[in-house]
Amino acid sequence: MMIVADAITALCMIVLVVLFATDSVQLWQVYALMFIRATMQAFQGPAVLASTPNLVPSDWLTRVAGMNQAMQGVMTIAAAPLGALALAFLPIQGALMIDVVTAVLGIAPLLIYRIPQPPPSSTTTGNSVLADIREGARYVLHRRGLLMLYAVTGLVVLTVLPTFALTPLLVTEHFGGGVNQVALMEGLAGTGIILGGVMISIRTWSVRRITLVMLSCAVSCGTVALTALAPSNWLWLAIIWWTISGFTFSTGNAPMMAILQTIIPNELQGRAFSLLNVVFGLAGPIGLAIAGPLAELMGVRAVFILGGTLSALICVVGYLLSSSLRNIETQQ
């Protein structure tokens, strides 16, 4: 599945390269090919996460998740400047060919090294994609701890995700900053993600993983609100809060992935992670649709304060009121 997804992604990029090289590209073609590319990522991501437990000892899953989180932080920092550098020296079709090369580099090891596969069980139907989706949804719905985790994280995405899209407006409108200040804020947030991932990967935590997940999530969301509460001439304070938010996002997201990889049977993990992506994929646009008019009506700061506060409360209340969520690692 990972090989096919990467191959189709590379093919989409090759088509775009040809269209740009022949000066025949149209906007709808870009949209269509990006849609196919994103669909392939929806297949590849869960397949990667479900393959990890077959390659890593169970007591190392949290550390590996931390390493992956740190790697995502590196990409957050490096992607924009590297993309600008590529466009400075290459035509756009040349820059797009980099994506083709990286896809080939991703496929090559999968052709050489074998990933152990779990034996099929009675829970795997395999009759159709829809049957597989139903099986994954049934597994999550019948386990209250998992259902609560999906619900809490989905609500958090709905309430806090719009702030990431509105960050440039907050910097320019409230703090009077410009492009450099936005870049500094985003770059240090990426640094926070890296440090959080490294922290998770290099040490063993005495606190329960679900406690670390919910506490980190609450702090990450709360600091989003604190970012907007900083006085307009204290941009440095907002940057500190935003960096802490990135750090705690990383220390929460990494152990959450490890929990799911531990408690869900391996043959069902691809479906369960796909369902989680569906929850996030639906929550994100809904939150953005709400936040846009709200920002027009109340201002960008209000979206940050309201979204950050609500999402932090969701984490705290969900953890305190749901014993199924608190005991998610022992009730499966």
C-alpha atoms as a PDB file:
ATOM      1  CA  MET A   1       0.000   0.000   0.000  1.00  0.00           C
ATOM      2  CA  MET A   2       2.840   2.389   0.802  1.00  0.00           C
ATOM      3  CA  ILE A   3       4.588   1.569  -2.476  1.00  0.00           C
ATOM      4  CA  VAL A   4       1.437   2.097  -4.548  1.00  0.00           C
ATOM      5  CA  ALA A   5       0.576   5.337  -2.739  1.00  0.00           C
ATOM      6  CA  ASP A   6       4.058   6.765  -3.285  1.00  0.00           C
ATOM      7  CA  ALA A   7       4.082   5.616  -6.915  1.00  0.00           C
ATOM      8  CA  ILE A   8       0.770   7.338  -7.676  1.00  0.00           C
ATOM      9  CA  THR A   9       2.012  10.459  -5.880  1.00  0.00           C
ATOM     10  CA  ALA A  10       5.117  10.465  -8.064  1.00  0.00           C
ATOM     11  CA  LEU A  11       2.986   9.956 -11.186  1.00  0.00           C
ATOM     12  CA  CYS A  12       0.836  12.977 -10.263  1.00  0.00           C
ATOM     13  CA  MET A  13       3.961  15.092  -9.908  1.00  0.00           C
ATOM     14  CA  ILE A  14       5.304  13.855 -13.252  1.00  0.00           C
ATOM     15  CA  VAL A  15       2.054  14.889 -14.931  1.00  0.00           C
ATOM     16  CA  LEU A  16       2.371  18.333 -13.333  1.00  0.00           C
ATOM     17  CA  VAL A  17       5.996  18.574 -14.465  1.00  0.00           C
ATOM     18  CA  VAL A  18       4.958  17.847 -18.061  1.00  0.00           C
ATOM     19  CA  LEU A  19       2.091  20.365 -17.886  1.00  0.00           C
ATOM     20  CA  PHE A  20       4.354  23.123 -16.571  1.00  0.00           C
ATOM     21  CA  ALA A  21       7.170  22.261 -18.987  1.00  0.00           C
ATOM     22  CA  THR A  22       4.794  22.489 -21.970  1.00  0.00           C
ATOM     23  CA  ASP A  23       3.147  25.643 -20.575  1.00  0.00           C
ATOM     24  CA  SER A  24      -0.270  23.993 -20.801  1.00  0.00           C
ATOM     25  CA  VAL A  25      -1.147  23.781 -17.125  1.00  0.00           C
ATOM     26  CA  GLN A  26      -4.556  24.956 -15.902  1.00  0.00           C
ATOM     27  CA  LEU A  27      -5.699  25.596 -12.351  1.00  0.00           C
ATOM     28  CA  TRP A  28      -8.279  22.782 -12.320  1.00  0.00           C
ATOM     29  CA  GLN A  29      -5.572  20.303 -13.279  1.00  0.00           C
ATOM     30  CA  VAL A  30      -3.458  21.377 -10.300  1.00  0.00           C
ATOM     31  CA  TYR A  31      -6.462  20.981  -7.986  1.00  0.00           C
ATOM     32  CA  ALA A  32      -7.314  17.556  -9.380  1.00  0.00           C
ATOM     33  CA  LEU A  33      -3.764  16.214  -9.098  1.00  0.00           C
ATOM     34  CA  MET A  34      -3.337  17.641  -5.576  1.00  0.00           C
ATOM     35  CA  PHE A  35      -6.614  15.941  -4.598  1.00  0.00           C
ATOM     36  CA  ILE A  36      -5.297  12.589  -5.845  1.00  0.00           C
ATOM     37  CA  ARG A  37      -1.984  13.197  -4.061  1.00  0.00           C
ATOM     38  CA  ALA A  38      -3.756  13.972  -0.785  1.00  0.00           C
ATOM     39  CA  THR A  39      -5.869  10.842  -1.179  1.00  0.00           C
ATOM     40  CA  MET A  40      -2.720   8.764  -1.513  1.00  0.00           C
ATOM     41  CA  GLN A  41      -1.381  10.301   1.695  1.00  0.00           C
ATOM     42  CA  ALA A  42      -4.588   9.172   3.406  1.00  0.00           C
ATOM     43  CA  PHE A  43      -3.631   5.609   2.469  1.00  0.00           C
ATOM     44  CA  GLN A  44       0.076   5.905   3.157  1.00  0.00           C
ATOM     45  CA  GLY A  45      -0.089   7.544   6.604  1.00  0.00           C
ATOM     46  CA  PRO A  46      -2.167   4.846   8.348  1.00  0.00           C
ATOM     47  CA  ALA A  47      -0.131   2.132   6.615  1.00  0.00           C
ATOM     48  CA  VAL A  48       3.090   3.611   8.019  1.00  0.00           C
ATOM     49  CA  LEU A  49       1.645   3.880  11.529  1.00  0.00           C
ATOM     50  CA  ALA A  50       0.294   0.322  11.388  1.00  0.00           C
ATOM     51  CA  SER A  51       3.644  -1.008  10.149  1.00  0.00           C
ATOM     52  CA  THR A  52       5.642   0.548  12.991  1.00  0.00           C
ATOM     53  CA  PRO A  53       4.593  -1.983  15.705  1.00  0.00           C
ATOM     54  CA  ASN A  54       5.805  -4.782  13.425  1.00  0.00           C
ATOM     55  CA  LEU A  55       9.271  -3.237  13.313  1.00  0.00           C
ATOM     56  CA  VAL A  56       9.689  -1.796  16.809  1.00  0.00           C
ATOM     57  CA  PRO A  57       9.525  -3.456  20.247  1.00  0.00           C
ATOM     58  CA  SER A  58       6.373  -2.392  22.093  1.00  0.00           C
ATOM     59  CA  ASP A  59       8.312  -0.649  24.868  1.00  0.00           C
ATOM     60  CA  TRP A  60       9.998   1.545  22.237  1.00  0.00           C
ATOM     61  CA  LEU A  61       6.827   2.712  20.473  1.00  0.00           C
ATOM     62  CA  THR A  62       6.575   5.936  22.481  1.00  0.00           C
ATOM     63  CA  ARG A  63      10.207   6.807  21.794  1.00  0.00           C
ATOM     64  CA  VAL A  64       9.861   6.103  18.086  1.00  0.00           C
ATOM     65  CA  ALA A  65       6.720   8.252  17.988  1.00  0.00           C
ATOM     66  CA  GLY A  66       8.788  11.010  19.595  1.00  0.00           C
ATOM     67  CA  MET A  67      11.457  10.627  16.914  1.00  0.00           C
ATOM     68  CA  ASN A  68       8.800  10.889  14.214  1.00  0.00           C
ATOM     69  CA  GLN A  69       7.379  13.990  15.901  1.00  0.00           C
ATOM     70  CA  ALA A  70      10.823  15.587  15.964  1.00  0.00           C
ATOM     71  CA  MET A  71      11.237  14.787  12.272  1.00  0.00           C
ATOM     72  CA  GLN A  72       7.929  16.526  11.527  1.00  0.00           C
ATOM     73  CA  GLY A  73       9.206  19.564  13.397  1.00  0.00           C
ATOM     74  CA  VAL A  74      12.319  19.606  11.235  1.00  0.00           C
ATOM     75  CA  MET A  75      10.119  19.507   8.131  1.00  0.00           C
ATOM     76  CA  THR A  76       7.989  22.360   9.530  1.00  0.00           C
ATOM     77  CA  ILE A  77      11.069  24.552   9.789  1.00  0.00           C
ATOM     78  CA  ALA A  78      12.865  23.417   6.636  1.00  0.00           C
ATOM     79  CA  ALA A  79      10.035  23.067   4.117  1.00  0.00           C
ATOM     80  CA  ALA A  80       9.377  26.737   3.305  1.00  0.00           C
ATOM     81  CA  PRO A  81      13.007  27.948   2.989  1.00  0.00           C
ATOM     82  CA  LEU A  82      14.039  24.845   1.042  1.00  0.00           C
ATOM     83  CA  GLY A  83      11.073  25.313  -1.282  1.00  0.00           C
ATOM     84  CA  ALA A  84      11.996  28.966  -1.823  1.00  0.00           C
ATOM     85  CA  LEU A  85      15.613  27.948  -2.454  1.00  0.00           C
ATOM     86  CA  ALA A  86      14.528  25.380  -5.029  1.00  0.00           C
ATOM     87  CA  LEU A  87      12.354  27.919  -6.851  1.00  0.00           C
ATOM     88  CA  ALA A  88      15.217  30.432  -6.813  1.00  0.00           C
ATOM     89  CA  PHE A  89      17.494  28.110  -8.779  1.00  0.00           C
ATOM     90  CA  LEU A  90      15.045  25.864 -10.669  1.00  0.00           C
ATOM     91  CA  PRO A  91      11.967  26.333 -12.841  1.00  0.00           C
ATOM     92  CA  ILE A  92       8.798  25.191 -11.142  1.00  0.00           C
ATOM     93  CA  GLN A  93       8.832  21.863 -13.006  1.00  0.00           C
ATOM     94  CA  GLY A  94      12.357  21.289 -11.695  1.00  0.00           C
ATOM     95  CA  ALA A  95      11.230  21.989  -8.141  1.00  0.00           C
ATOM     96  CA  LEU A  96       8.324  19.571  -8.575  1.00  0.00           C
ATOM     97  CA  MET A  97      10.736  16.860  -9.708  1.00  0.00           C
ATOM     98  CA  ILE A  98      12.184  16.908  -6.180  1.00  0.00           C
ATOM     99  CA  ASP A  99       8.889  15.368  -5.024  1.00  0.00           C
ATOM    100  CA  VAL A 100       9.276  12.628  -7.614  1.00  0.00           C
ATOM    101  CA  VAL A 101      12.816  11.881  -6.427  1.00  0.00           C
ATOM    102  CA  THR A 102      11.769  11.716  -2.769  1.00  0.00           C
ATOM    103  CA  ALA A 103       8.922   9.366  -3.673  1.00  0.00           C
ATOM    104  CA  VAL A 104      11.404   7.056  -5.404  1.00  0.00           C
ATOM    105  CA  LEU A 105      13.663   7.223  -2.340  1.00  0.00           C
ATOM    106  CA  GLY A 106      10.674   6.242  -0.222  1.00  0.00           C
ATOM    107  CA  ILE A 107       9.783   3.294  -2.447  1.00  0.00           C
ATOM    108  CA  ALA A 108      13.293   1.840  -2.791  1.00  0.00           C
ATOM    109  CA  PRO A 109      13.730   0.577   0.801  1.00  0.00           C
ATOM    110  CA  LEU A 110      10.253  -0.971   0.711  1.00  0.00           C
ATOM    111  CA  LEU A 111      11.312  -3.055  -2.289  1.00  0.00           C
ATOM    112  CA  ILE A 112      14.436  -4.262  -0.476  1.00  0.00           C
ATOM    113  CA  TYR A 113      13.372  -4.793   3.134  1.00  0.00           C
ATOM    114  CA  ARG A 114      10.412  -6.874   4.211  1.00  0.00           C
ATOM    115  CA  ILE A 115       7.999  -5.512   6.813  1.00  0.00           C
ATOM    116  CA  PRO A 116       6.550  -8.375   8.900  1.00  0.00           C
ATOM    117  CA  GLN A 117       2.806  -8.684   8.430  1.00  0.00           C
ATOM    118  CA  PRO A 118       0.326  -9.827  11.100  1.00  0.00           C
ATOM    119  CA  PRO A 119      -1.596 -13.020  10.292  1.00  0.00           C
ATOM    120  CA  PRO A 120      -5.227 -12.452   9.261  1.00  0.00           C
ATOM    121  CA  SER A 121      -7.722 -12.867  12.090  1.00  0.00           C
ATOM    122  CA  SER A 122     -11.431 -13.468  12.281  1.00  0.00           C
ATOM    123  CA  THR A 123     -11.983  -9.708  12.579  1.00  0.00           C
ATOM    124  CA  THR A 124     -10.545  -8.938   9.160  1.00  0.00           C
ATOM    125  CA  THR A 125     -13.198  -9.321   6.508  1.00  0.00           C
ATOM    126  CA  GLY A 126     -11.272  -8.103   3.460  1.00  0.00           C
ATOM    127  CA  ASN A 127     -14.401  -8.303   1.280  1.00  0.00           C
ATOM    128  CA  SER A 128     -14.420  -4.638   0.309  1.00  0.00           C
ATOM    129  CA  VAL A 129     -13.123  -1.241   1.288  1.00  0.00           C
ATOM    130  CA  LEU A 130     -16.505  -0.306   2.765  1.00  0.00           C
ATOM    131  CA  ALA A 131     -16.570  -3.501   4.816  1.00  0.00           C
ATOM    132  CA  ASP A 132     -13.094  -2.690   6.136  1.00  0.00           C
ATOM    133  CA  ILE A 133     -14.195   0.840   7.045  1.00  0.00           C
ATOM    134  CA  ARG A 134     -17.246  -0.504   8.875  1.00  0.00           C
ATOM    135  CA  GLU A 135     -15.073  -2.991  10.758  1.00  0.00           C
ATOM    136  CA  GLY A 136     -12.702  -0.257  11.905  1.00  0.00           C
ATOM    137  CA  ALA A 137     -15.583   1.992  12.961  1.00  0.00           C
ATOM    138  CA  ARG A 138     -17.253  -0.891  14.818  1.00  0.00           C
ATOM    139  CA  TYR A 139     -14.060  -1.603  16.743  1.00  0.00           C
ATOM    140  CA  VAL A 140     -13.735   2.015  17.905  1.00  0.00           C
ATOM    141  CA  LEU A 141     -17.445   2.477  18.685  1.00  0.00           C
ATOM    142  CA  HIS A 142     -17.527  -0.607  20.899  1.00  0.00           C
ATOM    143  CA  ARG A 143     -14.660   0.608  23.089  1.00  0.00           C
ATOM    144  CA  ARG A 144     -15.581   3.591  25.211  1.00  0.00           C
ATOM    145  CA  GLY A 145     -12.003   4.648  25.930  1.00  0.00           C
ATOM    146  CA  LEU A 146     -11.115   4.816  22.250  1.00  0.00           C
ATOM    147  CA  LEU A 147     -14.402   6.506  21.412  1.00  0.00           C
ATOM    148  CA  MET A 148     -13.774   9.188  24.045  1.00  0.00           C
ATOM    149  CA  LEU A 149     -10.222   9.746  22.789  1.00  0.00           C
ATOM    150  CA  TYR A 150     -11.495  10.171  19.225  1.00  0.00           C
ATOM    151  CA  ALA A 151     -14.259  12.520  20.406  1.00  0.00           C
ATOM    152  CA  VAL A 152     -11.994  14.674  22.574  1.00  0.00           C
ATOM    153  CA  THR A 153      -9.263  15.018  19.958  1.00  0.00           C
ATOM    154  CA  GLY A 154     -11.844  15.693  17.239  1.00  0.00           C
ATOM    155  CA  LEU A 155     -13.397  18.522  19.280  1.00  0.00           C
ATOM    156  CA  VAL A 156      -9.935  19.916  20.017  1.00  0.00           C
ATOM    157  CA  VAL A 157      -9.122  20.005  16.296  1.00  0.00           C
ATOM    158  CA  LEU A 158     -12.462  21.709  15.583  1.00  0.00           C
ATOM    159  CA  THR A 159     -11.871  24.462  18.139  1.00  0.00           C
ATOM    160  CA  VAL A 160      -8.120  25.095  17.911  1.00  0.00           C
ATOM    161  CA  LEU A 161      -7.142  24.326  14.290  1.00  0.00           C
ATOM    162  CA  PRO A 162      -8.469  27.664  12.919  1.00  0.00           C
ATOM    163  CA  THR A 163      -5.887  29.514  15.001  1.00  0.00           C
ATOM    164  CA  PHE A 164      -3.075  28.014  12.929  1.00  0.00           C
ATOM    165  CA  ALA A 165      -4.589  29.455   9.756  1.00  0.00           C
ATOM    166  CA  LEU A 166      -5.126  32.855  11.404  1.00  0.00           C
ATOM    167  CA  THR A 167      -1.645  33.197  12.943  1.00  0.00           C
ATOM    168  CA  PRO A 168      -0.363  35.599  10.246  1.00  0.00           C
ATOM    169  CA  LEU A 169      -3.382  37.855  10.819  1.00  0.00           C
ATOM    170  CA  LEU A 170      -2.807  37.861  14.580  1.00  0.00           C
ATOM    171  CA  VAL A 171       0.834  38.868  14.096  1.00  0.00           C
ATOM    172  CA  THR A 172       0.080  41.614  11.587  1.00  0.00           C
ATOM    173  CA  GLU A 173      -3.153  43.027  13.035  1.00  0.00           C
ATOM    174  CA  HIS A 174      -2.584  42.750  16.791  1.00  0.00           C
ATOM    175  CA  PHE A 175       1.199  42.840  17.143  1.00  0.00           C
ATOM    176  CA  GLY A 176       1.925  45.011  14.106  1.00  0.00           C
ATOM    177  CA  GLY A 177       4.479  42.555  12.784  1.00  0.00           C
ATOM    178  CA  GLY A 178       5.306  41.476   9.278  1.00  0.00           C
ATOM    179  CA  VAL A 179       6.622  38.554   7.282  1.00  0.00           C
ATOM    180  CA  ASN A 180       9.781  38.213   9.364  1.00  0.00           C
ATOM    181  CA  GLN A 181       7.838  38.055  12.623  1.00  0.00           C
ATOM    182  CA  VAL A 182       5.440  35.454  11.236  1.00  0.00           C
ATOM    183  CA  ALA A 183       8.383  33.370  10.035  1.00  0.00           C
ATOM    184  CA  LEU A 184      10.093  33.680  13.433  1.00  0.00           C
ATOM    185  CA  MET A 185       6.945  32.591  15.228  1.00  0.00           C
ATOM    186  CA  GLU A 186       6.378  29.593  12.981  1.00  0.00           C
ATOM    187  CA  GLY A 187      10.058  28.645  13.006  1.00  0.00           C
ATOM    188  CA  LEU A 188      10.274  28.630  16.796  1.00  0.00           C
ATOM    189  CA  ALA A 189       7.033  26.637  16.990  1.00  0.00           C
ATOM    190  CA  GLY A 190       8.720  24.062  14.771  1.00  0.00           C
ATOM    191  CA  THR A 191      11.709  24.140  17.098  1.00  0.00           C
ATOM    192  CA  GLY A 192       9.354  23.470  20.003  1.00  0.00           C
ATOM    193  CA  ILE A 193       7.927  20.466  18.161  1.00  0.00           C
ATOM    194  CA  ILE A 194      11.442  19.125  17.602  1.00  0.00           C
ATOM    195  CA  LEU A 195      12.424  19.572  21.253  1.00  0.00           C
ATOM    196  CA  GLY A 196       9.194  17.940  22.427  1.00  0.00           C
ATOM    197  CA  GLY A 197       9.753  14.958  20.168  1.00  0.00           C
ATOM    198  CA  VAL A 198      13.353  14.625  21.312  1.00  0.00           C
ATOM    199  CA  MET A 199      12.233  14.831  24.951  1.00  0.00           C
ATOM    200  CA  ILE A 200       9.757  11.988  24.418  1.00  0.00           C
ATOM    201  CA  SER A 201      12.295   9.865  22.554  1.00  0.00           C
ATOM    202  CA  ILE A 202      15.203  10.074  25.009  1.00  0.00           C
ATOM    203  CA  ARG A 203      13.582   9.367  28.363  1.00  0.00           C
ATOM    204  CA  THR A 204      11.061   7.095  30.057  1.00  0.00           C
ATOM    205  CA  TRP A 205       8.159   8.914  31.696  1.00  0.00           C
ATOM    206  CA  SER A 206       6.845   7.804  35.070  1.00  0.00           C
ATOM    207  CA  VAL A 207       3.437   9.388  34.431  1.00  0.00           C
ATOM    208  CA  ARG A 208       0.843   7.334  32.543  1.00  0.00           C
ATOM    209  CA  ARG A 209       0.851   7.981  28.825  1.00  0.00           C
ATOM    210  CA  ILE A 210      -2.811   9.012  28.639  1.00  0.00           C
ATOM    211  CA  THR A 211      -2.223  11.516  31.452  1.00  0.00           C
ATOM    212  CA  LEU A 212       0.731  12.942  29.537  1.00  0.00           C
ATOM    213  CA  VAL A 213      -1.389  13.124  26.376  1.00  0.00           C
ATOM    214  CA  MET A 214      -4.287  15.008  27.964  1.00  0.00           C
ATOM    215  CA  LEU A 215      -2.090  17.286  30.088  1.00  0.00           C
ATOM    216  CA  SER A 216       0.122  18.197  27.135  1.00  0.00           C
ATOM    217  CA  CYS A 217      -2.901  18.777  24.922  1.00  0.00           C
ATOM    218  CA  ALA A 218      -4.509  21.055  27.515  1.00  0.00           C
ATOM    219  CA  VAL A 219      -1.316  23.092  27.951  1.00  0.00           C
ATOM    220  CA  SER A 220      -0.779  23.300  24.184  1.00  0.00           C
ATOM    221  CA  CYS A 221      -4.296  24.641  23.680  1.00  0.00           C
ATOM    222  CA  GLY A 222      -4.152  26.947  26.699  1.00  0.00           C
ATOM    223  CA  THR A 223      -0.980  28.601  25.441  1.00  0.00           C
ATOM    224  CA  VAL A 224      -2.763  29.335  22.157  1.00  0.00           C
ATOM    225  CA  ALA A 225      -5.151  31.543  24.149  1.00  0.00           C
ATOM    226  CA  LEU A 226      -2.237  33.076  26.082  1.00  0.00           C
ATOM    227  CA  THR A 227      -0.549  33.939  22.767  1.00  0.00           C
ATOM    228  CA  ALA A 228      -3.428  36.241  21.840  1.00  0.00           C
ATOM    229  CA  LEU A 229      -3.696  37.644  25.381  1.00  0.00           C
ATOM    230  CA  ALA A 230      -0.165  39.059  25.192  1.00  0.00           C
ATOM    231  CA  PRO A 231      -0.117  42.879  24.948  1.00  0.00           C
ATOM    232  CA  SER A 232       0.304  44.242  21.428  1.00  0.00           C
ATOM    233  CA  ASN A 233       3.834  45.498  22.164  1.00  0.00           C
ATOM    234  CA  TRP A 234       4.920  42.166  23.703  1.00  0.00           C
ATOM    235  CA  LEU A 235       5.330  40.043  20.609  1.00  0.00           C
ATOM    236  CA  TRP A 236       8.250  38.281  22.308  1.00  0.00           C
ATOM    237  CA  LEU A 237       5.852  36.903  24.932  1.00  0.00           C
ATOM    238  CA  ALA A 238       3.444  35.652  22.259  1.00  0.00           C
ATOM    239  CA  ILE A 239       6.341  33.887  20.524  1.00  0.00           C
ATOM    240  CA  ILE A 240       7.300  32.182  23.800  1.00  0.00           C
ATOM    241  CA  TRP A 241       3.742  30.945  24.346  1.00  0.00           C
ATOM    242  CA  TRP A 242       3.509  29.756  20.731  1.00  0.00           C
ATOM    243  CA  THR A 243       6.788  27.861  21.091  1.00  0.00           C
ATOM    244  CA  ILE A 244       5.547  26.198  24.293  1.00  0.00           C
ATOM    245  CA  SER A 245       2.381  25.250  22.426  1.00  0.00           C
ATOM    246  CA  GLY A 246       4.471  23.491  19.771  1.00  0.00           C
ATOM    247  CA  PHE A 247       6.549  21.726  22.418  1.00  0.00           C
ATOM    248  CA  THR A 248       3.534  20.410  24.346  1.00  0.00           C
ATOM    249  CA  PHE A 249       1.726  19.460  21.143  1.00  0.00           C
ATOM    250  CA  SER A 250       4.653  17.178  20.410  1.00  0.00           C
ATOM    251  CA  THR A 251       4.789  15.687  23.930  1.00  0.00           C
ATOM    252  CA  GLY A 252       1.067  14.924  23.647  1.00  0.00           C
ATOM    253  CA  ASN A 253       0.700  13.693  20.099  1.00  0.00           C
ATOM    254  CA  ALA A 254       3.636  11.251  20.170  1.00  0.00           C
ATOM    255  CA  PRO A 255       2.439   9.184  23.175  1.00  0.00           C
ATOM    256  CA  MET A 256      -1.125   9.237  21.798  1.00  0.00           C
ATOM    257  CA  MET A 257       0.072   7.511  18.633  1.00  0.00           C
ATOM    258  CA  ALA A 258       1.985   4.998  20.765  1.00  0.00           C
ATOM    259  CA  ILE A 259      -1.135   4.283  22.850  1.00  0.00           C
ATOM    260  CA  LEU A 260      -3.171   3.544  19.731  1.00  0.00           C
ATOM    261  CA  GLN A 261      -0.408   1.334  18.332  1.00  0.00           C
ATOM    262  CA  THR A 262      -0.345  -0.569  21.616  1.00  0.00           C
ATOM    263  CA  ILE A 263      -4.024  -1.156  22.379  1.00  0.00           C
ATOM    264  CA  ILE A 264      -5.453  -1.692  18.876  1.00  0.00           C
ATOM    265  CA  PRO A 265      -4.831  -5.093  17.246  1.00  0.00           C
ATOM    266  CA  ASN A 266      -2.264  -4.625  14.521  1.00  0.00           C
ATOM    267  CA  GLU A 267      -4.484  -5.938  11.736  1.00  0.00           C
ATOM    268  CA  LEU A 268      -7.056  -3.238  12.598  1.00  0.00           C
ATOM    269  CA  GLN A 269      -4.690  -0.320  13.092  1.00  0.00           C
ATOM    270  CA  GLY A 270      -4.775   0.886   9.502  1.00  0.00           C
ATOM    271  CA  ARG A 271      -8.559   1.184   9.670  1.00  0.00           C
ATOM    272  CA  ALA A 272      -8.508   2.810  13.105  1.00  0.00           C
ATOM    273  CA  PHE A 273      -5.926   5.420  12.050  1.00  0.00           C
ATOM    274  CA  SER A 274      -7.861   6.066   8.845  1.00  0.00           C
ATOM    275  CA  LEU A 275     -10.994   6.685  10.899  1.00  0.00           C
ATOM    276  CA  LEU A 276      -9.057   9.105  13.102  1.00  0.00           C
ATOM    277  CA  ASN A 277      -7.933  10.945   9.967  1.00  0.00           C
ATOM    278  CA  VAL A 278     -11.574  11.150   8.874  1.00  0.00           C
ATOM    279  CA  VAL A 279     -12.521  12.677  12.240  1.00  0.00           C
ATOM    280  CA  PHE A 280      -9.746  15.257  11.945  1.00  0.00           C
ATOM    281  CA  GLY A 281     -10.499  15.845   8.272  1.00  0.00           C
ATOM    282  CA  LEU A 282     -14.130  16.676   9.040  1.00  0.00           C
ATOM    283  CA  ALA A 283     -13.447  18.682  12.192  1.00  0.00           C
ATOM    284  CA  GLY A 284     -10.841  20.932  10.582  1.00  0.00           C
ATOM    285  CA  PRO A 285     -12.965  22.456   7.782  1.00  0.00           C
ATOM    286  CA  ILE A 286     -15.981  22.793  10.095  1.00  0.00           C
ATOM    287  CA  GLY A 287     -13.856  24.708  12.579  1.00  0.00           C
ATOM    288  CA  LEU A 288     -12.478  26.944   9.839  1.00  0.00           C
ATOM    289  CA  ALA A 289     -15.993  27.607   8.503  1.00  0.00           C
ATOM    290  CA  ILE A 290     -17.044  28.749  11.980  1.00  0.00           C
ATOM    291  CA  ALA A 291     -13.885  30.704  12.733  1.00  0.00           C
ATOM    292  CA  GLY A 292     -13.994  32.836   9.571  1.00  0.00           C
ATOM    293  CA  PRO A 293     -17.267  34.660  10.312  1.00  0.00           C
ATOM    294  CA  LEU A 294     -16.366  34.720  14.015  1.00  0.00           C
ATOM    295  CA  ALA A 295     -13.100  36.509  13.246  1.00  0.00           C
ATOM    296  CA  GLU A 296     -15.002  39.012  11.100  1.00  0.00           C
ATOM    297  CA  LEU A 297     -17.481  39.639  13.902  1.00  0.00           C
ATOM    298  CA  MET A 298     -15.297  39.560  17.023  1.00  0.00           C
ATOM    299  CA  GLY A 299     -11.750  39.884  15.745  1.00  0.00           C
ATOM    300  CA  VAL A 300      -8.868  37.472  15.274  1.00  0.00           C
ATOM    301  CA  ARG A 301      -7.795  37.658  18.942  1.00  0.00           C
ATOM    302  CA  ALA A 302     -11.213  36.436  20.053  1.00  0.00           C
ATOM    303  CA  VAL A 303     -10.863  33.306  17.890  1.00  0.00           C
ATOM    304  CA  PHE A 304      -7.523  32.513  19.535  1.00  0.00           C
ATOM    305  CA  ILE A 305      -8.751  33.166  23.065  1.00  0.00           C
ATOM    306  CA  LEU A 306     -12.046  31.346  22.617  1.00  0.00           C
ATOM    307  CA  GLY A 307     -10.614  28.433  20.637  1.00  0.00           C
ATOM    308  CA  GLY A 308      -7.627  27.915  22.927  1.00  0.00           C
ATOM    309  CA  THR A 309      -9.698  28.130  26.109  1.00  0.00           C
ATOM    310  CA  LEU A 310     -12.457  25.833  24.861  1.00  0.00           C
ATOM    311  CA  SER A 311     -10.067  23.204  23.570  1.00  0.00           C
ATOM    312  CA  ALA A 312      -8.082  23.221  26.843  1.00  0.00           C
ATOM    313  CA  LEU A 313     -11.321  22.787  28.803  1.00  0.00           C
ATOM    314  CA  ILE A 314     -12.355  19.922  26.534  1.00  0.00           C
ATOM    315  CA  CYS A 315      -9.118  18.094  27.358  1.00  0.00           C
ATOM    316  CA  VAL A 316      -9.415  18.653  31.105  1.00  0.00           C
ATOM    317  CA  VAL A 317     -13.127  17.883  31.385  1.00  0.00           C
ATOM    318  CA  GLY A 318     -12.887  14.837  29.131  1.00  0.00           C
ATOM    319  CA  TYR A 319     -10.026  13.404  31.183  1.00  0.00           C
ATOM    320  CA  LEU A 320     -11.612  14.108  34.577  1.00  0.00           C
ATOM    321  CA  LEU A 321     -15.132  12.919  33.736  1.00  0.00           C
ATOM    322  CA  SER A 322     -14.359   9.826  31.663  1.00  0.00           C
ATOM    323  CA  SER A 323     -12.899   6.891  33.576  1.00  0.00           C
ATOM    324  CA  SER A 324     -12.868   4.980  30.276  1.00  0.00           C
ATOM    325  CA  LEU A 325     -10.503   7.551  28.830  1.00  0.00           C
ATOM    326  CA  ARG A 326      -8.268   7.589  31.905  1.00  0.00           C
ATOM    327  CA  ASN A 327      -8.038   3.783  31.836  1.00  0.00           C
ATOM    328  CA  ILE A 328      -7.800   3.420  28.066  1.00  0.00           C
ATOM    329  CA  GLU A 329      -4.609   1.369  28.283  1.00  0.00           C
ATOM    330  CA  THR A 330      -6.045  -1.205  30.703  1.00  0.00           C
ATOM    331  CA  GLN A 331      -9.602  -1.698  29.466  1.00  0.00           C
ATOM    332  CA  GLN A 332      -8.965  -2.966  25.926  1.00  0.00           C
END
